[in-house]
């Protein structure tokens, strides 16, 4: 048994003959018992008669062409606003400004690189000039308490050897 809300959703399809035979039979059984749904169906029949009486005005000539032309015009106007044209220079930026900026970045990069290279060479020269304890040079101070005969002790002995291996 169908509820009135389900039947009312199907009344349009029933009126137009679009229901399956099984659903059409179920709607007809419900309409026999339900006065409210019969009234809704009668209203639908009346609406159909009223719509058949109303004269539909003719479609203006070239309506589709005019609508499409207006849509293209509107779309092109939006695209022109959003597109940056390549090859055109901005009026506030003469070409020499970009060249000067590129040259300044290049000089700054070379200066920073030269300074970093010079400061690193000074550090390396200072470290190699002083013959320091291998524990300090190689930061091996955590191996200082290695037990005698251990792998760490052997490594320290090789690192502090004068033979260089």
Protein backbone atom coordinates (compact mmCIF):
# COMPACT_ATOMS: atom_id res chain seq x y z
CA UNK A 1 0.00 0.00 0.00
CA UNK A 2 1.37 3.37 -1.02
CA UNK A 3 1.21 6.54 1.00
CA UNK A 4 -0.42 9.69 -0.35
CA UNK A 5 2.92 11.52 -0.61
CA UNK A 6 4.38 8.80 -2.87
CA UNK A 7 1.24 8.69 -5.00
CA UNK A 8 1.22 12.48 -5.39
CA UNK A 9 4.82 12.39 -6.64
CA UNK A 10 3.69 9.90 -9.29
CA UNK A 11 0.49 11.70 -10.37
CA UNK A 12 2.21 13.70 -13.12
CA UNK A 13 3.71 10.56 -14.65
CA UNK A 14 0.32 8.80 -14.27
CA UNK A 15 -1.46 11.70 -16.02
CA UNK A 16 1.05 11.60 -18.89
CA UNK A 17 0.92 7.79 -19.20
CA UNK A 18 4.56 7.31 -18.25
CA UNK A 19 4.19 4.79 -15.40
CA UNK A 20 4.93 1.10 -15.63
CA UNK A 21 1.84 -1.13 -15.63
CA UNK A 22 2.54 -2.24 -12.06
CA UNK A 23 2.89 1.35 -10.74
CA UNK A 24 -0.16 2.48 -12.76
CA UNK A 25 -2.25 -0.26 -11.16
CA UNK A 26 -1.03 0.72 -7.67
CA UNK A 27 -1.90 4.39 -8.29
CA UNK A 28 -5.38 3.48 -9.59
CA UNK A 29 -6.06 1.30 -6.53
CA UNK A 30 -5.03 4.16 -4.26
CA UNK A 31 -7.18 6.69 -6.18
CA UNK A 32 -10.26 4.49 -5.66
CA UNK A 33 -9.84 4.76 -1.88
CA UNK A 34 -8.39 8.30 -1.50
CA UNK A 35 -10.54 11.33 -2.26
CA UNK A 36 -7.67 13.79 -1.62
CA UNK A 37 -5.43 12.21 -4.26
CA UNK A 38 -8.37 12.08 -6.74
CA UNK A 39 -8.84 15.83 -6.20
CA UNK A 40 -5.13 16.40 -6.85
CA UNK A 41 -5.40 14.39 -10.09
CA UNK A 42 -8.46 16.42 -11.18
CA UNK A 43 -6.47 19.62 -10.56
CA UNK A 44 -3.72 18.22 -12.76
CA UNK A 45 -6.26 17.45 -15.51
CA UNK A 46 -7.61 21.02 -15.24
CA UNK A 47 -4.10 22.46 -15.49
CA UNK A 48 -3.45 20.40 -18.61
CA UNK A 49 -6.67 21.71 -20.21
CA UNK A 50 -5.76 25.29 -19.31
CA UNK A 51 -2.30 24.94 -20.83
CA UNK A 52 -3.73 23.59 -24.07
CA UNK A 53 -5.99 26.66 -24.37
CA UNK A 54 -3.18 29.19 -23.83
CA UNK A 55 -1.65 30.40 -27.08
CA UNK A 56 2.14 30.17 -27.13
CA UNK A 57 3.74 33.23 -28.74
CA UNK A 58 5.97 32.50 -31.73
CA UNK A 59 9.73 32.44 -31.20
CA UNK A 60 11.35 35.62 -32.57
CA UNK A 61 13.44 35.20 -35.68
CA UNK A 62 17.15 34.54 -35.11
CA UNK A 63 16.63 34.32 -31.33
CA UNK A 64 19.18 31.53 -30.87
CA UNK A 65 21.76 33.35 -33.01
CA UNK A 66 21.29 36.59 -31.07
CA UNK A 67 21.59 34.81 -27.72
CA UNK A 68 24.78 33.03 -28.79
CA UNK A 69 26.28 36.26 -30.18
CA UNK A 70 25.55 38.07 -26.91
CA UNK A 71 27.09 35.21 -24.91
CA UNK A 72 30.25 35.22 -27.07
CA UNK A 73 30.50 39.00 -26.73
CA UNK A 74 30.20 38.78 -22.97
CA UNK A 75 32.73 35.94 -22.79
CA UNK A 76 35.26 37.74 -25.01
CA UNK A 77 34.95 40.93 -22.98
CA UNK A 78 35.75 38.98 -19.81
CA UNK A 79 38.71 37.23 -21.45
CA UNK A 80 40.21 40.47 -22.78
CA UNK A 81 40.08 41.92 -19.30
CA UNK A 82 41.91 38.91 -17.81
CA UNK A 83 44.57 38.35 -20.52
CA UNK A 84 48.00 39.98 -20.28
CA UNK A 85 49.17 40.65 -23.78
CA UNK A 86 52.66 39.33 -24.41
CA UNK A 87 55.07 41.62 -26.20
CA UNK A 88 53.66 44.80 -24.72
CA UNK A 89 55.76 46.66 -22.18
CA UNK A 90 54.26 48.09 -19.09
CA UNK A 91 54.32 51.88 -19.33
CA UNK A 92 55.96 52.31 -15.91
CA UNK A 93 58.94 50.04 -16.54
CA UNK A 94 61.56 51.18 -19.05
CA UNK A 95 63.94 48.40 -20.22
CA UNK A 96 67.00 49.86 -18.49
CA UNK A 97 65.36 49.31 -15.07
CA UNK A 98 65.37 45.55 -15.54
CA UNK A 99 68.94 45.55 -16.82
CA UNK A 100 70.13 47.59 -13.85
CA UNK A 101 68.32 45.31 -11.41
CA UNK A 102 69.91 42.22 -12.99
CA UNK A 103 73.37 43.82 -12.82
CA UNK A 104 72.86 44.76 -9.15
CA UNK A 105 71.82 41.21 -8.26
CA UNK A 106 74.87 39.84 -10.10
CA UNK A 107 77.31 42.20 -8.33
CA UNK A 108 75.74 41.46 -4.94
CA UNK A 109 75.97 37.70 -5.55
CA UNK A 110 79.62 37.94 -6.57
CA UNK A 111 80.45 40.06 -3.51
CA UNK A 112 78.77 37.65 -1.10
CA UNK A 113 80.43 34.65 -2.77
CA UNK A 114 83.85 36.30 -2.64
CA UNK A 115 83.47 37.17 1.02
CA UNK A 116 82.36 33.66 1.91
CA UNK A 117 85.29 32.15 -0.02
CA UNK A 118 87.78 34.49 1.64
CA UNK A 119 86.44 33.84 5.16
CA UNK A 120 86.49 30.06 4.62
CA UNK A 121 90.08 30.16 3.37
CA UNK A 122 91.11 32.13 6.47
CA UNK A 123 89.48 29.53 8.71
CA UNK A 124 91.12 26.60 6.91
CA UNK A 125 94.53 28.33 7.00
CA UNK A 126 94.23 28.96 10.74
CA UNK A 127 93.29 25.36 11.42
CA UNK A 128 96.11 23.85 9.35
CA UNK A 129 98.72 26.24 10.72
CA UNK A 130 98.27 24.99 14.24
CA UNK A 131 99.29 21.40 14.94
CA UNK A 132 96.66 20.60 17.47
CA UNK A 133 95.70 17.54 19.36
CA UNK A 134 93.68 15.14 17.13
CA UNK A 135 90.97 15.08 19.76
CA UNK A 136 90.43 18.81 19.28
CA UNK A 137 90.95 18.94 15.48
CA UNK A 138 88.60 16.07 14.67
CA UNK A 139 86.26 16.65 17.59
CA UNK A 140 87.09 13.24 18.98
CA UNK A 141 87.01 14.33 22.62
CA UNK A 142 84.23 11.82 23.31
CA UNK A 143 86.78 9.06 22.57
CA UNK A 144 89.24 10.34 25.22
CA UNK A 145 87.98 7.93 27.87
CA UNK A 146 88.28 4.87 25.65
CA UNK A 147 89.60 1.78 27.40
CA UNK A 148 93.04 0.60 26.37
CA UNK A 149 92.95 -1.93 23.52
CA UNK A 150 89.47 -0.94 22.36
CA UNK A 151 88.58 0.04 18.81
CA UNK A 152 88.27 3.69 19.84
CA UNK A 153 91.74 3.60 21.44
CA UNK A 154 93.19 2.12 18.24
CA UNK A 155 91.53 4.84 16.17
CA UNK A 156 92.96 7.55 18.42
CA UNK A 157 96.43 6.01 18.17
CA UNK A 158 96.25 6.07 14.37
CA UNK A 159 94.87 9.62 14.26
CA UNK A 160 97.63 10.99 16.49
CA UNK A 161 100.40 9.08 14.72
CA UNK A 162 103.16 11.14 13.10
CA UNK A 163 103.39 8.74 10.18
CA UNK A 164 100.12 10.13 8.69
CA UNK A 165 98.05 7.00 8.29
